[in-house]
Amino acid sequence: MSTDLSASGTPGATAGSRARRAWRGLVVENVVVVVVFALAGAGAGWFWERWATPAAGVVLEGAWRLGFRVEGDFLTGDSTSFQRAFGVIGTYAVVCAVVGLVLGVLAALLCRRSELVTLVAVLLGSVVAAFVCYRVGLALGPPDPAVAARTAENGTVLVGDLSIDRRSPFVVLPLVALLSLASTYFLTTSASAGAAGARRIDLPTQA
C-alpha cells in the first residue's frame, strides 16, 4: 500500500513553519514595544510641557541673562528663576521615571517570548522615548529666548525655554525602565517557581 504525503505534512516542514511563526511573533512583539515607548514619550513630552514652569530672565546687552529681575532702573538677583530652571529638569526626570517604571513592568508581564530580546527592545525604546519626550516638550514650550534677546532692549523680561543643558536627566527613563523590567522578571519568575513547588506532591515510596 502506497501513501501520498505532501511535503507540508512532514514533521520537518511543520517544525520549520512553527519556527518561522515564532520568529515573526518575536519580531512583531518587540517592534510593538519600541513603538509603544515612542508614543508614550510623545505623550510624556506634552505632559511635561504642561507641568513645567520655565524660568524668566532679562535682556542685558543683547543676551538673555538667567537669575536677574528688573526693579525700577536696576537689575537685581533672582533666586526664583534658578529654582524654576532646576524645576524644568526635575519635572522632566520625574515624568521619565514614571513612564519607564510603568512600561518596564508592562513589558515584563506581557512579553514572554524572549526575555533577552525584550530587554534590548526596552533599552532601545526607552532611549527613543526619552528623546521624543524632550523634543516634544521643547517644541511645545516657549521659544529660545536668546533669539529674541538679540533685538530686545536692556531690561526686557523674557521667558526661557525648556532646554536641558546636562546629560544625566536623559538617563532616567532607560535606567528606570530596565530596572523595573528586570525586577518584574525576577519577582514573577520567583513567584512561579514557588507556586510550582507548592503544587508538587511527593508520592510515598513502596517498600
N, C-alpha and C. Protein backbone atom coordinates (compact mmCIF):
# COMPACT_ATOMS: atom_id res chain seq x y z
N MET A 1 0.85 -1.18 0.00
CA MET A 1 0.00 0.00 0.00
C MET A 1 0.89 1.23 0.00
N SER A 2 0.60 2.15 -0.89
CA SER A 2 1.41 3.37 -1.01
C SER A 2 0.71 4.52 -0.32
N THR A 3 1.49 5.41 0.20
CA THR A 3 0.95 6.61 0.85
C THR A 3 1.40 7.82 0.09
N ASP A 4 0.53 8.85 0.02
CA ASP A 4 0.82 10.08 -0.71
C ASP A 4 0.77 11.25 0.28
N LEU A 5 1.93 11.52 0.92
CA LEU A 5 2.02 12.60 1.89
C LEU A 5 2.62 13.82 1.24
N SER A 6 2.01 14.96 1.40
CA SER A 6 2.56 16.20 0.87
C SER A 6 3.73 16.64 1.73
N ALA A 7 4.58 17.46 1.10
CA ALA A 7 5.78 17.93 1.81
C ALA A 7 5.41 18.76 3.02
N SER A 8 4.28 19.47 2.92
CA SER A 8 3.89 20.33 4.02
C SER A 8 3.45 19.54 5.24
N GLY A 9 3.14 18.23 5.03
CA GLY A 9 2.70 17.43 6.15
C GLY A 9 3.82 16.73 6.88
N THR A 10 5.05 16.82 6.40
CA THR A 10 6.17 16.17 7.06
C THR A 10 6.51 16.86 8.36
N PRO A 11 7.04 16.12 9.32
CA PRO A 11 7.39 16.75 10.61
C PRO A 11 8.40 17.88 10.46
N GLY A 12 9.39 17.73 9.52
CA GLY A 12 10.39 18.78 9.34
C GLY A 12 9.78 20.07 8.84
N ALA A 13 8.85 19.96 7.88
CA ALA A 13 8.21 21.16 7.35
C ALA A 13 7.34 21.82 8.41
N THR A 14 6.66 20.99 9.22
CA THR A 14 5.83 21.55 10.28
C THR A 14 6.67 22.29 11.31
N ALA A 15 7.81 21.71 11.68
CA ALA A 15 8.70 22.36 12.65
C ALA A 15 9.26 23.67 12.09
N GLY A 16 9.60 23.67 10.79
CA GLY A 16 10.11 24.89 10.18
C GLY A 16 9.07 25.98 10.14
N SER A 17 7.83 25.60 9.86
CA SER A 17 6.74 26.58 9.83
C SER A 17 6.49 27.17 11.21
N ARG A 18 6.56 26.32 12.22
CA ARG A 18 6.39 26.81 13.58
C ARG A 18 7.52 27.76 13.98
N ALA A 19 8.74 27.43 13.56
CA ALA A 19 9.88 28.29 13.89
C ALA A 19 9.75 29.66 13.23
N ARG A 20 9.29 29.67 11.97
CA ARG A 20 9.11 30.95 11.28
C ARG A 20 8.02 31.79 11.95
N ARG A 21 6.93 31.13 12.35
CA ARG A 21 5.87 31.87 13.04
C ARG A 21 6.36 32.41 14.38
N ALA A 22 7.19 31.62 15.07
CA ALA A 22 7.73 32.07 16.35
C ALA A 22 8.63 33.29 16.17
N TRP A 23 9.46 33.27 15.12
CA TRP A 23 10.34 34.42 14.86
C TRP A 23 9.54 35.66 14.48
N ARG A 24 8.52 35.46 13.64
CA ARG A 24 7.68 36.60 13.27
C ARG A 24 6.98 37.18 14.50
N GLY A 25 6.48 36.30 15.33
CA GLY A 25 5.82 36.78 16.54
C GLY A 25 6.77 37.52 17.46
N LEU A 26 8.01 37.03 17.55
CA LEU A 26 9.01 37.68 18.39
C LEU A 26 9.35 39.07 17.86
N VAL A 27 9.53 39.17 16.53
CA VAL A 27 9.87 40.45 15.93
C VAL A 27 8.72 41.45 16.10
N VAL A 28 7.50 41.00 15.80
CA VAL A 28 6.35 41.89 15.91
C VAL A 28 6.16 42.35 17.34
N GLU A 29 6.31 41.45 18.28
CA GLU A 29 6.13 41.79 19.70
C GLU A 29 7.07 42.90 20.14
N ASN A 30 8.33 42.79 19.76
CA ASN A 30 9.31 43.75 20.24
C ASN A 30 9.31 45.04 19.42
N VAL A 31 8.87 44.99 18.16
CA VAL A 31 8.66 46.23 17.42
C VAL A 31 7.53 47.03 18.07
N VAL A 32 6.50 46.32 18.50
CA VAL A 32 5.39 46.98 19.20
C VAL A 32 5.89 47.63 20.49
N VAL A 33 6.82 46.96 21.20
CA VAL A 33 7.39 47.53 22.42
C VAL A 33 8.06 48.87 22.13
N VAL A 34 8.88 48.92 21.08
CA VAL A 34 9.58 50.16 20.74
C VAL A 34 8.58 51.25 20.34
N VAL A 35 7.57 50.88 19.55
CA VAL A 35 6.58 51.86 19.11
C VAL A 35 5.79 52.41 20.30
N VAL A 36 5.41 51.54 21.23
CA VAL A 36 4.67 51.99 22.41
C VAL A 36 5.52 52.94 23.25
N PHE A 37 6.80 52.64 23.39
CA PHE A 37 7.68 53.54 24.12
C PHE A 37 7.75 54.91 23.43
N ALA A 38 7.85 54.92 22.10
CA ALA A 38 7.94 56.18 21.38
C ALA A 38 6.66 57.00 21.55
N LEU A 39 5.50 56.35 21.45
CA LEU A 39 4.23 57.05 21.62
C LEU A 39 4.08 57.57 23.05
N ALA A 40 4.50 56.75 24.01
CA ALA A 40 4.44 57.20 25.40
C ALA A 40 5.37 58.39 25.63
N GLY A 41 6.52 58.39 24.95
CA GLY A 41 7.42 59.52 25.06
C GLY A 41 6.80 60.80 24.54
N ALA A 42 6.05 60.70 23.44
CA ALA A 42 5.37 61.88 22.91
C ALA A 42 4.33 62.40 23.89
N GLY A 43 3.54 61.50 24.46
CA GLY A 43 2.55 61.93 25.45
C GLY A 43 3.20 62.50 26.70
N ALA A 44 4.32 61.90 27.11
CA ALA A 44 5.03 62.42 28.28
C ALA A 44 5.60 63.81 28.02
N GLY A 45 6.06 64.05 26.78
CA GLY A 45 6.57 65.36 26.43
C GLY A 45 5.48 66.42 26.50
N TRP A 46 4.29 66.06 26.04
CA TRP A 46 3.17 67.00 26.14
C TRP A 46 2.84 67.30 27.59
N PHE A 47 2.81 66.26 28.44
CA PHE A 47 2.51 66.46 29.85
C PHE A 47 3.60 67.27 30.55
N TRP A 48 4.85 66.99 30.21
CA TRP A 48 5.97 67.72 30.81
C TRP A 48 5.88 69.22 30.48
N GLU A 49 5.54 69.53 29.25
CA GLU A 49 5.44 70.94 28.85
C GLU A 49 4.32 71.63 29.62
N ARG A 50 3.23 70.91 29.90
CA ARG A 50 2.12 71.48 30.66
C ARG A 50 2.48 71.67 32.13
N TRP A 51 3.30 70.80 32.65
CA TRP A 51 3.61 70.81 34.08
C TRP A 51 4.74 71.77 34.42
N ALA A 52 5.78 71.79 33.60
CA ALA A 52 6.97 72.57 33.93
C ALA A 52 6.69 74.07 33.81
N THR A 53 7.36 74.84 34.67
CA THR A 53 7.28 76.30 34.64
C THR A 53 8.64 76.85 34.24
N PRO A 54 8.78 77.36 33.02
CA PRO A 54 10.09 77.86 32.58
C PRO A 54 10.55 79.05 33.41
N ALA A 55 11.85 79.21 33.50
CA ALA A 55 12.41 80.36 34.21
C ALA A 55 12.35 81.60 33.35
N ALA A 56 12.30 82.74 34.01
CA ALA A 56 12.31 84.02 33.31
C ALA A 56 13.65 84.71 33.55
N GLY A 57 14.10 85.42 32.54
CA GLY A 57 15.34 86.17 32.64
C GLY A 57 15.19 87.53 31.98
N VAL A 58 16.24 88.32 32.03
CA VAL A 58 16.20 89.67 31.45
C VAL A 58 17.27 89.80 30.37
N VAL A 59 17.05 90.75 29.49
CA VAL A 59 17.99 91.02 28.40
C VAL A 59 19.02 92.03 28.89
N LEU A 60 20.28 91.71 28.64
CA LEU A 60 21.37 92.61 29.00
C LEU A 60 22.41 92.58 27.89
N GLU A 61 22.53 93.70 27.18
CA GLU A 61 23.49 93.84 26.09
C GLU A 61 23.30 92.75 25.02
N GLY A 62 22.05 92.54 24.66
CA GLY A 62 21.73 91.61 23.58
C GLY A 62 21.77 90.15 23.95
N ALA A 63 21.91 89.84 25.23
CA ALA A 63 21.95 88.44 25.67
C ALA A 63 20.92 88.23 26.77
N TRP A 64 20.37 87.02 26.81
CA TRP A 64 19.39 86.66 27.83
C TRP A 64 20.12 86.18 29.07
N ARG A 65 19.85 86.82 30.21
CA ARG A 65 20.54 86.50 31.45
C ARG A 65 19.57 85.85 32.44
N LEU A 66 19.92 84.67 32.89
CA LEU A 66 19.12 83.98 33.90
C LEU A 66 19.59 84.40 35.29
N GLY A 67 18.64 84.53 36.21
CA GLY A 67 18.99 84.85 37.58
C GLY A 67 18.91 86.31 37.92
N PHE A 68 18.28 87.12 37.06
CA PHE A 68 18.11 88.55 37.33
C PHE A 68 16.66 88.94 37.13
N ARG A 69 16.27 90.03 37.78
CA ARG A 69 14.95 90.63 37.56
C ARG A 69 15.10 92.15 37.62
N VAL A 70 14.10 92.81 37.07
CA VAL A 70 14.13 94.27 37.00
C VAL A 70 13.38 94.85 38.18
N GLU A 71 14.04 95.78 38.89
CA GLU A 71 13.40 96.52 39.96
C GLU A 71 13.67 98.00 39.73
N GLY A 72 12.70 98.69 39.17
CA GLY A 72 12.89 100.09 38.82
C GLY A 72 13.88 100.22 37.67
N ASP A 73 14.95 100.92 37.91
CA ASP A 73 16.00 101.08 36.90
C ASP A 73 17.19 100.17 37.15
N PHE A 74 17.04 99.19 38.01
CA PHE A 74 18.17 98.34 38.38
C PHE A 74 17.86 96.87 38.13
N LEU A 75 18.93 96.10 37.95
CA LEU A 75 18.82 94.65 37.87
C LEU A 75 19.29 94.05 39.18
N THR A 76 18.50 93.16 39.73
CA THR A 76 18.87 92.50 40.98
C THR A 76 18.82 90.99 40.79
N GLY A 77 19.47 90.29 41.69
CA GLY A 77 19.47 88.83 41.62
C GLY A 77 18.09 88.25 41.86
N ASP A 78 17.82 87.14 41.23
CA ASP A 78 16.51 86.49 41.34
C ASP A 78 16.72 84.99 41.51
N SER A 79 16.60 84.52 42.75
CA SER A 79 16.79 83.08 43.00
C SER A 79 15.64 82.25 42.47
N THR A 80 14.47 82.86 42.31
CA THR A 80 13.32 82.12 41.80
C THR A 80 13.55 81.59 40.40
N SER A 81 14.23 82.38 39.57
CA SER A 81 14.49 81.93 38.20
C SER A 81 15.40 80.71 38.19
N PHE A 82 16.36 80.65 39.11
CA PHE A 82 17.21 79.47 39.21
C PHE A 82 16.42 78.26 39.68
N GLN A 83 15.52 78.47 40.62
CA GLN A 83 14.68 77.38 41.10
C GLN A 83 13.80 76.82 39.99
N ARG A 84 13.26 77.71 39.17
CA ARG A 84 12.44 77.24 38.06
C ARG A 84 13.27 76.52 37.00
N ALA A 85 14.49 76.98 36.82
CA ALA A 85 15.37 76.31 35.86
C ALA A 85 15.66 74.88 36.31
N PHE A 86 15.94 74.69 37.60
CA PHE A 86 16.12 73.34 38.12
C PHE A 86 14.80 72.56 38.11
N GLY A 87 13.69 73.28 38.29
CA GLY A 87 12.40 72.62 38.25
C GLY A 87 12.08 72.03 36.89
N VAL A 88 12.52 72.69 35.83
CA VAL A 88 12.34 72.14 34.48
C VAL A 88 13.03 70.79 34.36
N ILE A 89 14.24 70.70 34.86
CA ILE A 89 14.99 69.44 34.82
C ILE A 89 14.33 68.40 35.71
N GLY A 90 13.91 68.83 36.91
CA GLY A 90 13.30 67.89 37.84
C GLY A 90 12.00 67.30 37.34
N THR A 91 11.15 68.14 36.75
CA THR A 91 9.88 67.62 36.24
C THR A 91 10.10 66.66 35.07
N TYR A 92 11.09 66.96 34.24
CA TYR A 92 11.41 66.04 33.14
C TYR A 92 11.85 64.68 33.70
N ALA A 93 12.68 64.70 34.72
CA ALA A 93 13.17 63.46 35.31
C ALA A 93 12.04 62.65 35.93
N VAL A 94 11.12 63.34 36.61
CA VAL A 94 10.00 62.64 37.25
C VAL A 94 9.09 62.01 36.20
N VAL A 95 8.77 62.76 35.16
CA VAL A 95 7.90 62.22 34.10
C VAL A 95 8.55 61.01 33.44
N CYS A 96 9.83 61.11 33.16
CA CYS A 96 10.54 59.98 32.54
C CYS A 96 10.59 58.77 33.46
N ALA A 97 10.76 59.00 34.76
CA ALA A 97 10.81 57.89 35.70
C ALA A 97 9.48 57.14 35.74
N VAL A 98 8.38 57.88 35.73
CA VAL A 98 7.06 57.24 35.76
C VAL A 98 6.82 56.44 34.49
N VAL A 99 7.16 57.02 33.35
CA VAL A 99 6.99 56.31 32.07
C VAL A 99 7.85 55.05 32.04
N GLY A 100 9.09 55.16 32.45
CA GLY A 100 9.98 54.00 32.46
C GLY A 100 9.49 52.90 33.38
N LEU A 101 9.00 53.29 34.56
CA LEU A 101 8.50 52.31 35.52
C LEU A 101 7.30 51.55 34.98
N VAL A 102 6.31 52.28 34.48
CA VAL A 102 5.08 51.65 34.01
C VAL A 102 5.34 50.76 32.80
N LEU A 103 6.06 51.27 31.82
CA LEU A 103 6.28 50.49 30.60
C LEU A 103 7.24 49.34 30.83
N GLY A 104 8.20 49.50 31.73
CA GLY A 104 9.09 48.38 32.05
C GLY A 104 8.34 47.22 32.67
N VAL A 105 7.44 47.52 33.60
CA VAL A 105 6.64 46.46 34.23
C VAL A 105 5.71 45.80 33.21
N LEU A 106 5.05 46.60 32.39
CA LEU A 106 4.14 46.04 31.38
C LEU A 106 4.88 45.16 30.38
N ALA A 107 6.06 45.60 29.96
CA ALA A 107 6.84 44.80 29.02
C ALA A 107 7.22 43.45 29.64
N ALA A 108 7.57 43.45 30.91
CA ALA A 108 7.95 42.20 31.57
C ALA A 108 6.76 41.26 31.72
N LEU A 109 5.58 41.82 31.98
CA LEU A 109 4.39 40.99 32.18
C LEU A 109 3.81 40.47 30.88
N LEU A 110 3.91 41.26 29.80
CA LEU A 110 3.24 40.89 28.55
C LEU A 110 4.15 40.24 27.52
N CYS A 111 5.45 40.45 27.61
CA CYS A 111 6.38 39.94 26.60
C CYS A 111 7.19 38.81 27.21
N ARG A 112 6.82 37.56 26.88
CA ARG A 112 7.45 36.40 27.47
C ARG A 112 8.11 35.48 26.44
N ARG A 113 8.18 35.92 25.21
CA ARG A 113 8.77 35.05 24.18
C ARG A 113 10.28 34.91 24.38
N SER A 114 10.95 36.03 24.64
CA SER A 114 12.39 36.01 24.85
C SER A 114 12.75 37.20 25.74
N GLU A 115 13.16 36.90 26.96
CA GLU A 115 13.49 37.97 27.90
C GLU A 115 14.66 38.81 27.40
N LEU A 116 15.64 38.17 26.78
CA LEU A 116 16.82 38.90 26.32
C LEU A 116 16.47 39.86 25.19
N VAL A 117 15.67 39.40 24.23
CA VAL A 117 15.26 40.27 23.13
C VAL A 117 14.39 41.40 23.65
N THR A 118 13.51 41.10 24.59
CA THR A 118 12.67 42.15 25.17
C THR A 118 13.52 43.18 25.90
N LEU A 119 14.57 42.75 26.57
CA LEU A 119 15.47 43.69 27.25
C LEU A 119 16.09 44.65 26.25
N VAL A 120 16.54 44.13 25.11
CA VAL A 120 17.12 45.00 24.08
C VAL A 120 16.07 45.96 23.54
N ALA A 121 14.85 45.46 23.31
CA ALA A 121 13.78 46.32 22.80
C ALA A 121 13.42 47.42 23.80
N VAL A 122 13.39 47.07 25.08
CA VAL A 122 13.08 48.07 26.11
C VAL A 122 14.19 49.11 26.19
N LEU A 123 15.44 48.67 26.07
CA LEU A 123 16.55 49.63 26.09
C LEU A 123 16.44 50.60 24.91
N LEU A 124 16.22 50.07 23.72
CA LEU A 124 16.09 50.91 22.54
C LEU A 124 14.87 51.82 22.64
N GLY A 125 13.74 51.24 23.03
CA GLY A 125 12.52 52.03 23.13
C GLY A 125 12.60 53.12 24.18
N SER A 126 13.26 52.84 25.31
CA SER A 126 13.36 53.84 26.36
C SER A 126 14.26 55.01 25.94
N VAL A 127 15.31 54.71 25.19
CA VAL A 127 16.17 55.79 24.68
C VAL A 127 15.38 56.66 23.71
N VAL A 128 14.62 56.01 22.82
CA VAL A 128 13.78 56.76 21.88
C VAL A 128 12.74 57.59 22.63
N ALA A 129 12.12 57.01 23.66
CA ALA A 129 11.10 57.72 24.42
C ALA A 129 11.66 58.94 25.13
N ALA A 130 12.86 58.81 25.70
CA ALA A 130 13.48 59.96 26.37
C ALA A 130 13.75 61.09 25.39
N PHE A 131 14.22 60.74 24.19
CA PHE A 131 14.50 61.75 23.18
C PHE A 131 13.21 62.40 22.68
N VAL A 132 12.19 61.57 22.40
CA VAL A 132 10.92 62.10 21.90
C VAL A 132 10.26 62.99 22.95
N CYS A 133 10.30 62.57 24.20
CA CYS A 133 9.72 63.37 25.27
C CYS A 133 10.35 64.75 25.32
N TYR A 134 11.66 64.79 25.24
CA TYR A 134 12.36 66.08 25.31
C TYR A 134 12.05 66.95 24.10
N ARG A 135 12.10 66.37 22.92
CA ARG A 135 11.87 67.15 21.71
C ARG A 135 10.43 67.66 21.62
N VAL A 136 9.47 66.85 22.04
CA VAL A 136 8.07 67.30 22.01
C VAL A 136 7.85 68.42 23.01
N GLY A 137 8.36 68.26 24.23
CA GLY A 137 8.22 69.32 25.22
C GLY A 137 8.91 70.60 24.80
N LEU A 138 10.09 70.46 24.20
CA LEU A 138 10.83 71.64 23.75
C LEU A 138 10.08 72.35 22.63
N ALA A 139 9.48 71.58 21.72
CA ALA A 139 8.76 72.18 20.60
C ALA A 139 7.47 72.87 21.05
N LEU A 140 6.79 72.30 22.04
CA LEU A 140 5.54 72.88 22.51
C LEU A 140 5.75 74.05 23.47
N GLY A 141 6.93 74.11 24.08
CA GLY A 141 7.20 75.16 25.06
C GLY A 141 7.58 76.48 24.43
N PRO A 142 7.97 77.44 25.26
CA PRO A 142 8.36 78.76 24.75
C PRO A 142 9.57 78.68 23.84
N PRO A 143 9.73 79.63 22.93
CA PRO A 143 10.89 79.62 22.03
C PRO A 143 12.18 79.99 22.77
N ASP A 144 13.28 79.79 22.11
CA ASP A 144 14.58 80.12 22.68
C ASP A 144 14.68 81.63 22.93
N PRO A 145 14.87 82.05 24.18
CA PRO A 145 14.90 83.50 24.45
C PRO A 145 16.15 84.18 23.89
N ALA A 146 17.18 83.41 23.61
CA ALA A 146 18.41 84.02 23.09
C ALA A 146 18.18 84.68 21.73
N VAL A 147 17.23 84.15 20.95
CA VAL A 147 16.96 84.72 19.63
C VAL A 147 16.29 86.09 19.78
N ALA A 148 15.27 86.17 20.63
CA ALA A 148 14.58 87.44 20.82
C ALA A 148 15.44 88.46 21.55
N ALA A 149 16.38 87.98 22.36
CA ALA A 149 17.22 88.90 23.12
C ALA A 149 18.17 89.70 22.24
N ARG A 150 18.46 89.22 21.06
CA ARG A 150 19.41 89.91 20.19
C ARG A 150 18.89 91.28 19.75
N THR A 151 17.58 91.42 19.65
CA THR A 151 17.00 92.68 19.19
C THR A 151 16.18 93.38 20.27
N ALA A 152 16.14 92.82 21.47
CA ALA A 152 15.35 93.41 22.55
C ALA A 152 16.17 94.44 23.32
N GLU A 153 15.48 95.33 23.98
CA GLU A 153 16.13 96.36 24.77
C GLU A 153 16.60 95.79 26.11
N ASN A 154 17.60 96.44 26.69
CA ASN A 154 18.08 96.03 28.00
C ASN A 154 16.95 96.12 29.04
N GLY A 155 16.90 95.09 29.88
CA GLY A 155 15.87 95.06 30.91
C GLY A 155 14.60 94.35 30.51
N THR A 156 14.48 93.97 29.24
CA THR A 156 13.28 93.25 28.79
C THR A 156 13.23 91.87 29.42
N VAL A 157 12.09 91.53 29.98
CA VAL A 157 11.92 90.22 30.62
C VAL A 157 11.43 89.21 29.57
N LEU A 158 12.15 88.10 29.45
CA LEU A 158 11.77 87.05 28.51
C LEU A 158 11.70 85.71 29.24
N VAL A 159 10.68 84.94 28.89
CA VAL A 159 10.53 83.61 29.48
C VAL A 159 11.45 82.64 28.76
N GLY A 160 12.13 81.81 29.53
CA GLY A 160 13.04 80.84 28.94
C GLY A 160 12.33 79.66 28.33
N ASP A 161 13.08 78.83 27.61
CA ASP A 161 12.51 77.63 27.01
C ASP A 161 12.73 76.44 27.95
N LEU A 162 12.45 75.24 27.47
CA LEU A 162 12.58 74.03 28.28
C LEU A 162 13.86 73.26 27.97
N SER A 163 14.85 73.93 27.47
CA SER A 163 16.09 73.24 27.12
C SER A 163 16.80 72.74 28.37
N ILE A 164 17.48 71.61 28.23
CA ILE A 164 18.24 70.99 29.32
C ILE A 164 19.68 70.88 28.86
N ASP A 165 20.59 71.45 29.65
CA ASP A 165 21.99 71.53 29.23
C ASP A 165 22.88 70.49 29.90
N ARG A 166 22.29 69.43 30.43
CA ARG A 166 23.09 68.36 31.03
C ARG A 166 22.55 67.00 30.59
N ARG A 167 23.38 65.98 30.66
CA ARG A 167 23.01 64.68 30.10
C ARG A 167 22.33 63.76 31.10
N SER A 168 22.58 63.95 32.38
CA SER A 168 22.09 62.99 33.38
C SER A 168 20.57 62.79 33.35
N PRO A 169 19.74 63.82 33.13
CA PRO A 169 18.29 63.55 33.12
C PRO A 169 17.85 62.60 32.02
N PHE A 170 18.61 62.52 30.93
CA PHE A 170 18.20 61.65 29.82
C PHE A 170 18.48 60.18 30.11
N VAL A 171 19.18 59.89 31.20
CA VAL A 171 19.46 58.51 31.57
C VAL A 171 18.34 57.94 32.44
N VAL A 172 17.50 58.80 32.98
CA VAL A 172 16.49 58.36 33.95
C VAL A 172 15.53 57.34 33.34
N LEU A 173 14.97 57.65 32.19
CA LEU A 173 13.96 56.76 31.60
C LEU A 173 14.54 55.39 31.25
N PRO A 174 15.67 55.31 30.51
CA PRO A 174 16.23 53.98 30.25
C PRO A 174 16.60 53.21 31.51
N LEU A 175 17.17 53.90 32.50
CA LEU A 175 17.59 53.22 33.72
C LEU A 175 16.40 52.66 34.48
N VAL A 176 15.36 53.47 34.68
CA VAL A 176 14.19 53.00 35.42
C VAL A 176 13.47 51.90 34.65
N ALA A 177 13.40 52.03 33.33
CA ALA A 177 12.72 51.00 32.52
C ALA A 177 13.43 49.66 32.64
N LEU A 178 14.75 49.65 32.56
CA LEU A 178 15.50 48.40 32.66
C LEU A 178 15.41 47.81 34.06
N LEU A 179 15.48 48.65 35.08
CA LEU A 179 15.38 48.15 36.45
C LEU A 179 14.00 47.56 36.74
N SER A 180 12.96 48.23 36.28
CA SER A 180 11.61 47.71 36.50
C SER A 180 11.37 46.44 35.71
N LEU A 181 11.91 46.37 34.50
CA LEU A 181 11.80 45.15 33.69
C LEU A 181 12.48 43.98 34.39
N ALA A 182 13.73 44.17 34.80
CA ALA A 182 14.47 43.10 35.45
C ALA A 182 13.83 42.70 36.77
N SER A 183 13.38 43.67 37.55
CA SER A 183 12.76 43.36 38.84
C SER A 183 11.47 42.57 38.67
N THR A 184 10.67 42.95 37.68
CA THR A 184 9.42 42.24 37.44
C THR A 184 9.68 40.83 36.95
N TYR A 185 10.65 40.66 36.07
CA TYR A 185 11.03 39.31 35.63
C TYR A 185 11.44 38.46 36.82
N PHE A 186 12.27 39.04 37.69
CA PHE A 186 12.76 38.28 38.85
C PHE A 186 11.63 37.91 39.79
N LEU A 187 10.75 38.86 40.10
CA LEU A 187 9.68 38.60 41.04
C LEU A 187 8.67 37.61 40.49
N THR A 188 8.30 37.77 39.23
CA THR A 188 7.30 36.85 38.65
C THR A 188 7.87 35.45 38.46
N THR A 189 9.15 35.36 38.12
CA THR A 189 9.78 34.04 37.99
C THR A 189 9.87 33.34 39.33
N SER A 190 10.25 34.09 40.37
CA SER A 190 10.33 33.52 41.71
C SER A 190 8.96 33.08 42.20
N ALA A 191 7.93 33.89 41.91
CA ALA A 191 6.58 33.53 42.33
C ALA A 191 6.10 32.27 41.62
N SER A 192 6.41 32.16 40.32
CA SER A 192 6.00 30.97 39.56
C SER A 192 6.70 29.73 40.08
N ALA A 193 7.99 29.87 40.39
CA ALA A 193 8.73 28.73 40.92
C ALA A 193 8.19 28.31 42.29
N GLY A 194 7.84 29.30 43.12
CA GLY A 194 7.27 28.98 44.43
C GLY A 194 5.93 28.30 44.32
N ALA A 195 5.10 28.76 43.38
CA ALA A 195 3.79 28.13 43.19
C ALA A 195 3.92 26.70 42.68
N ALA A 196 4.89 26.48 41.78
CA ALA A 196 5.11 25.13 41.27
C ALA A 196 5.59 24.21 42.38
N GLY A 197 6.44 24.74 43.27
CA GLY A 197 6.92 23.92 44.38
C GLY A 197 5.81 23.59 45.35
N ALA A 198 4.87 24.53 45.55
CA ALA A 198 3.76 24.28 46.46
C ALA A 198 2.80 23.24 45.91
N ARG A 199 2.70 23.16 44.58
CA ARG A 199 1.78 22.19 43.96
C ARG A 199 2.38 20.80 43.85
N ARG A 200 3.70 20.69 44.10
CA ARG A 200 4.37 19.40 43.94
C ARG A 200 3.88 18.45 45.03
N ILE A 201 3.55 17.22 44.66
CA ILE A 201 3.06 16.20 45.62
C ILE A 201 4.09 15.08 45.65
N ASP A 202 4.56 14.77 46.82
CA ASP A 202 5.51 13.66 46.98
C ASP A 202 4.74 12.38 47.20
N LEU A 203 4.89 11.43 46.27
CA LEU A 203 4.22 10.15 46.36
C LEU A 203 4.99 9.24 47.31
N PRO A 204 4.31 8.52 48.14
CA PRO A 204 5.01 7.61 49.07
C PRO A 204 5.67 6.48 48.30
N THR A 205 6.82 6.11 48.72
CA THR A 205 7.54 5.01 48.07
C THR A 205 7.09 3.69 48.67
N GLN A 206 7.06 2.66 47.84
CA GLN A 206 6.65 1.34 48.28
C GLN A 206 7.87 0.61 48.81
N ALA A 207 7.64 -0.11 49.89
CA ALA A 207 8.74 -0.87 50.49
C ALA A 207 9.06 -2.07 49.63
